[in-house]
Amino acid sequence: MSPIPFPTTAAGDQPVLVAGGISDSHTWNLVYLQLLLEEEGHRVVNLGPCVPEDLLITEALAHRPALIVVSSVNGHGYHDGMRTVTRLREHPGLTDVPAVIGGKLGIAGPCGSDEVDALRAAGYDAVFDDSAEGVAAFRQLLATLPQRALV
């Protein structure tokens, strides 16, 4: 089987792929993320809520994103996120695409250091909680990505 060809993109033209966790039907967080990302100069492909892993993989291969952002509001982000990143990292074309997760990741409150470490070990490059500090840290990460050239 030949590898799937990636579309050629100029530096800074790669989108940021935003997706809600597979069990999370909330959308306001995804709209917020899209607006935040666009404000920071990034093109966004927002896949919406309840994104199955197969769809995320297909879209990541099609768009070759600069970053994949998985967001959770329902508190099941840890469990959904582990499954999602495991599937994502199993695909040879996506092992090096940066991926982060954030939001309300646990139903009993923020994830502890053991859960954060497990999410990172499974393949997330960063884990953000839903606090002001988490948003600030996410913005710092965004500053390291190439921005879309203004025309």
C-alpha atoms as a PDB file:
ATOM      1  CA  MET A   1       0.000   0.000   0.000  1.00  0.00           C
ATOM      2  CA  SER A   2       1.503   3.338  -0.992  1.00  0.00           C
ATOM      3  CA  PRO A   3       1.509   6.181   1.510  1.00  0.00           C
ATOM      4  CA  ILE A   4      -1.194   8.832   1.289  1.00  0.00           C
ATOM      5  CA  PRO A   5       0.299  11.945  -0.299  1.00  0.00           C
ATOM      6  CA  PHE A   6       0.066  15.048   1.843  1.00  0.00           C
ATOM      7  CA  PRO A   7      -0.977  18.287   0.194  1.00  0.00           C
ATOM      8  CA  THR A   8       1.869  20.735  -0.056  1.00  0.00           C
ATOM      9  CA  THR A   9       1.497  23.703   2.229  1.00  0.00           C
ATOM     10  CA  ALA A  10       3.543  26.802   2.814  1.00  0.00           C
ATOM     11  CA  ALA A  11       4.969  27.372   6.274  1.00  0.00           C
ATOM     12  CA  GLY A  12       2.240  28.840   8.409  1.00  0.00           C
ATOM     13  CA  ASP A  13      -0.535  27.678   6.094  1.00  0.00           C
ATOM     14  CA  GLN A  14      -1.072  24.378   7.856  1.00  0.00           C
ATOM     15  CA  PRO A  15      -4.335  24.537   9.784  1.00  0.00           C
ATOM     16  CA  VAL A  16      -4.936  23.700  13.394  1.00  0.00           C
ATOM     17  CA  LEU A  17      -7.389  20.810  13.619  1.00  0.00           C
ATOM     18  CA  VAL A  18      -9.916  21.170  16.470  1.00  0.00           C
ATOM     19  CA  ALA A  19     -12.106  18.282  17.637  1.00  0.00           C
ATOM     20  CA  GLY A  20     -14.416  17.489  20.508  1.00  0.00           C
ATOM     21  CA  GLY A  21     -13.946  14.191  22.301  1.00  0.00           C
ATOM     22  CA  ILE A  22     -15.923  11.247  20.975  1.00  0.00           C
ATOM     23  CA  SER A  23     -18.452  11.352  23.848  1.00  0.00           C
ATOM     24  CA  ASP A  24     -18.563  15.141  24.190  1.00  0.00           C
ATOM     25  CA  SER A  25     -21.478  16.874  22.455  1.00  0.00           C
ATOM     26  CA  HIS A  26     -20.601  20.381  23.674  1.00  0.00           C
ATOM     27  CA  THR A  27     -19.846  22.976  21.010  1.00  0.00           C
ATOM     28  CA  TRP A  28     -19.234  26.273  22.813  1.00  0.00           C
ATOM     29  CA  ASN A  29     -15.697  25.184  23.746  1.00  0.00           C
ATOM     30  CA  LEU A  30     -14.953  24.397  20.104  1.00  0.00           C
ATOM     31  CA  VAL A  31     -16.231  27.794  18.966  1.00  0.00           C
ATOM     32  CA  TYR A  32     -14.110  29.466  21.662  1.00  0.00           C
ATOM     33  CA  LEU A  33     -11.031  27.528  20.541  1.00  0.00           C
ATOM     34  CA  GLN A  34     -11.625  28.397  16.909  1.00  0.00           C
ATOM     35  CA  LEU A  35     -11.960  32.101  17.714  1.00  0.00           C
ATOM     36  CA  LEU A  36      -8.871  32.021  19.951  1.00  0.00           C
ATOM     37  CA  LEU A  37      -6.826  30.267  17.289  1.00  0.00           C
ATOM     38  CA  GLU A  38      -7.967  32.618  14.547  1.00  0.00           C
ATOM     39  CA  GLU A  39      -7.218  35.610  16.780  1.00  0.00           C
ATOM     40  CA  GLU A  40      -3.692  34.235  17.151  1.00  0.00           C
ATOM     41  CA  GLY A  41      -3.332  34.062  13.345  1.00  0.00           C
ATOM     42  CA  HIS A  42      -4.043  30.394  12.651  1.00  0.00           C
ATOM     43  CA  ARG A  43      -6.307  28.797  10.075  1.00  0.00           C
ATOM     44  CA  VAL A  44      -8.714  26.363  11.751  1.00  0.00           C
ATOM     45  CA  VAL A  45     -10.490  23.212  10.646  1.00  0.00           C
ATOM     46  CA  ASN A  46     -13.134  22.617  13.302  1.00  0.00           C
ATOM     47  CA  LEU A  47     -14.491  19.060  13.177  1.00  0.00           C
ATOM     48  CA  GLY A  48     -17.138  19.738  15.811  1.00  0.00           C
ATOM     49  CA  PRO A  49     -18.321  17.600  18.725  1.00  0.00           C
ATOM     50  CA  CYS A  50     -18.353  13.809  19.139  1.00  0.00           C
ATOM     51  CA  VAL A  51     -15.534  13.212  16.651  1.00  0.00           C
ATOM     52  CA  PRO A  52     -14.844   9.499  16.055  1.00  0.00           C
ATOM     53  CA  GLU A  53     -11.174   8.530  15.879  1.00  0.00           C
ATOM     54  CA  ASP A  54     -11.491   7.382  12.255  1.00  0.00           C
ATOM     55  CA  LEU A  55     -12.768  10.808  11.207  1.00  0.00           C
ATOM     56  CA  LEU A  56      -9.996  12.590  13.108  1.00  0.00           C
ATOM     57  CA  ILE A  57      -7.386  10.385  11.455  1.00  0.00           C
ATOM     58  CA  THR A  58      -8.866  10.904   7.971  1.00  0.00           C
ATOM     59  CA  GLU A  59      -9.021  14.678   8.416  1.00  0.00           C
ATOM     60  CA  ALA A  60      -5.527  14.851   9.904  1.00  0.00           C
ATOM     61  CA  LEU A  61      -4.143  12.972   6.910  1.00  0.00           C
ATOM     62  CA  ALA A  62      -6.070  15.198   4.497  1.00  0.00           C
ATOM     63  CA  HIS A  63      -5.118  18.523   6.102  1.00  0.00           C
ATOM     64  CA  ARG A  64      -1.654  17.764   7.500  1.00  0.00           C
ATOM     65  CA  PRO A  65      -2.260  20.103  10.449  1.00  0.00           C
ATOM     66  CA  ALA A  66       0.338  22.071  12.349  1.00  0.00           C
ATOM     67  CA  LEU A  67      -1.462  20.976  15.529  1.00  0.00           C
ATOM     68  CA  ILE A  68      -4.350  18.752  16.601  1.00  0.00           C
ATOM     69  CA  VAL A  69      -6.401  20.063  19.536  1.00  0.00           C
ATOM     70  CA  VAL A  70      -8.807  17.736  21.349  1.00  0.00           C
ATOM     71  CA  SER A  71     -11.190  19.486  23.737  1.00  0.00           C
ATOM     72  CA  SER A  72     -13.484  18.172  26.458  1.00  0.00           C
ATOM     73  CA  VAL A  73     -16.164  19.771  28.593  1.00  0.00           C
ATOM     74  CA  ASN A  74     -18.107  16.722  29.790  1.00  0.00           C
ATOM     75  CA  GLY A  75     -15.374  15.418  32.104  1.00  0.00           C
ATOM     76  CA  HIS A  76     -14.621  12.303  30.074  1.00  0.00           C
ATOM     77  CA  GLY A  77     -11.640  13.863  28.321  1.00  0.00           C
ATOM     78  CA  TYR A  78      -9.096  11.637  30.030  1.00  0.00           C
ATOM     79  CA  HIS A  79     -10.711   8.367  28.967  1.00  0.00           C
ATOM     80  CA  ASP A  80     -11.788   9.574  25.511  1.00  0.00           C
ATOM     81  CA  GLY A  81      -8.437  11.275  25.005  1.00  0.00           C
ATOM     82  CA  MET A  82      -6.420   8.162  25.813  1.00  0.00           C
ATOM     83  CA  ARG A  83      -8.315   6.174  23.200  1.00  0.00           C
ATOM     84  CA  THR A  84      -8.086   8.984  20.643  1.00  0.00           C
ATOM     85  CA  VAL A  85      -4.353   9.605  20.935  1.00  0.00           C
ATOM     86  CA  THR A  86      -3.596   5.889  20.947  1.00  0.00           C
ATOM     87  CA  ARG A  87      -5.442   5.484  17.638  1.00  0.00           C
ATOM     88  CA  LEU A  88      -3.848   8.636  16.248  1.00  0.00           C
ATOM     89  CA  ARG A  89      -0.314   7.558  17.112  1.00  0.00           C
ATOM     90  CA  GLU A  90      -0.878   4.065  15.682  1.00  0.00           C
ATOM     91  CA  HIS A  91      -1.133   5.621  12.221  1.00  0.00           C
ATOM     92  CA  PRO A  92       2.338   5.927  10.651  1.00  0.00           C
ATOM     93  CA  GLY A  93       1.513   9.237   8.953  1.00  0.00           C
ATOM     94  CA  LEU A  94       0.518  10.881  12.231  1.00  0.00           C
ATOM     95  CA  THR A  95       3.160   9.840  14.731  1.00  0.00           C
ATOM     96  CA  ASP A  96       4.910  13.223  14.612  1.00  0.00           C
ATOM     97  CA  VAL A  97       1.949  15.591  14.245  1.00  0.00           C
ATOM     98  CA  PRO A  98       1.753  17.657  17.440  1.00  0.00           C
ATOM     99  CA  ALA A  99      -1.393  16.875  19.440  1.00  0.00           C
ATOM    100  CA  VAL A 100      -2.715  18.429  22.636  1.00  0.00           C
ATOM    101  CA  ILE A 101      -5.737  17.903  24.838  1.00  0.00           C
ATOM    102  CA  GLY A 102      -7.453  20.242  27.207  1.00  0.00           C
ATOM    103  CA  GLY A 103     -10.551  21.233  29.087  1.00  0.00           C
ATOM    104  CA  LYS A 104     -12.406  19.345  31.767  1.00  0.00           C
ATOM    105  CA  LEU A 105     -10.601  16.038  31.591  1.00  0.00           C
ATOM    106  CA  GLY A 106     -11.978  14.335  34.701  1.00  0.00           C
ATOM    107  CA  ILE A 107     -15.465  14.049  36.154  1.00  0.00           C
ATOM    108  CA  ALA A 108     -14.106  14.480  39.687  1.00  0.00           C
ATOM    109  CA  GLY A 109     -12.151  17.627  38.827  1.00  0.00           C
ATOM    110  CA  PRO A 110      -8.800  18.310  37.184  1.00  0.00           C
ATOM    111  CA  CYS A 111      -6.609  15.368  36.316  1.00  0.00           C
ATOM    112  CA  GLY A 112      -3.823  14.590  38.723  1.00  0.00           C
ATOM    113  CA  SER A 113      -0.203  14.374  37.749  1.00  0.00           C
ATOM    114  CA  ASP A 114      -0.488  10.607  37.150  1.00  0.00           C
ATOM    115  CA  GLU A 115      -3.265  11.116  34.568  1.00  0.00           C
ATOM    116  CA  VAL A 116      -1.428  14.018  32.913  1.00  0.00           C
ATOM    117  CA  ASP A 117       1.720  11.882  32.713  1.00  0.00           C
ATOM    118  CA  ALA A 118      -0.308   8.998  31.228  1.00  0.00           C
ATOM    119  CA  LEU A 119      -1.851  11.275  28.573  1.00  0.00           C
ATOM    120  CA  ARG A 120       1.609  12.566  27.641  1.00  0.00           C
ATOM    121  CA  ALA A 121       3.084   9.049  27.597  1.00  0.00           C
ATOM    122  CA  ALA A 122       0.237   7.920  25.322  1.00  0.00           C
ATOM    123  CA  GLY A 123       1.165  10.585  22.773  1.00  0.00           C
ATOM    124  CA  TYR A 124      -0.108  14.066  23.654  1.00  0.00           C
ATOM    125  CA  ASP A 125       2.552  16.744  23.458  1.00  0.00           C
ATOM    126  CA  ALA A 126       0.780  18.845  26.084  1.00  0.00           C
ATOM    127  CA  VAL A 127      -2.183  18.619  28.446  1.00  0.00           C
ATOM    128  CA  PHE A 128      -4.107  21.719  29.536  1.00  0.00           C
ATOM    129  CA  ASP A 129      -6.731  22.050  32.225  1.00  0.00           C
ATOM    130  CA  ASP A 130      -9.649  24.459  31.976  1.00  0.00           C
ATOM    131  CA  SER A 131      -8.153  27.081  34.290  1.00  0.00           C
ATOM    132  CA  ALA A 132      -6.903  30.542  33.357  1.00  0.00           C
ATOM    133  CA  GLU A 133      -3.383  29.147  33.718  1.00  0.00           C
ATOM    134  CA  GLY A 134      -4.247  26.349  31.288  1.00  0.00           C
ATOM    135  CA  VAL A 135      -5.495  28.849  28.698  1.00  0.00           C
ATOM    136  CA  ALA A 136      -2.363  30.982  29.183  1.00  0.00           C
ATOM    137  CA  ALA A 137      -0.138  27.932  28.696  1.00  0.00           C
ATOM    138  CA  PHE A 138      -2.101  27.003  25.552  1.00  0.00           C
ATOM    139  CA  ARG A 139      -1.571  30.532  24.180  1.00  0.00           C
ATOM    140  CA  GLN A 140       2.162  30.171  24.854  1.00  0.00           C
ATOM    141  CA  LEU A 141       2.178  26.956  22.838  1.00  0.00           C
ATOM    142  CA  LEU A 142       0.345  28.683  19.983  1.00  0.00           C
ATOM    143  CA  ALA A 143       3.036  31.351  19.867  1.00  0.00           C
ATOM    144  CA  THR A 144       5.534  28.653  18.879  1.00  0.00           C
ATOM    145  CA  LEU A 145       3.533  27.583  15.796  1.00  0.00           C
ATOM    146  CA  PRO A 146       4.021  29.223  12.419  1.00  0.00           C
ATOM    147  CA  GLN A 147       1.241  31.707  11.764  1.00  0.00           C
ATOM    148  CA  ARG A 148      -0.660  32.063   8.527  1.00  0.00           C
ATOM    149  CA  ALA A 149       0.757  34.688   6.238  1.00  0.00           C
ATOM    150  CA  LEU A 150      -1.534  37.702   6.053  1.00  0.00           C
ATOM    151  CA  VAL A 151      -2.533  38.581   2.528  1.00  0.00           C
END
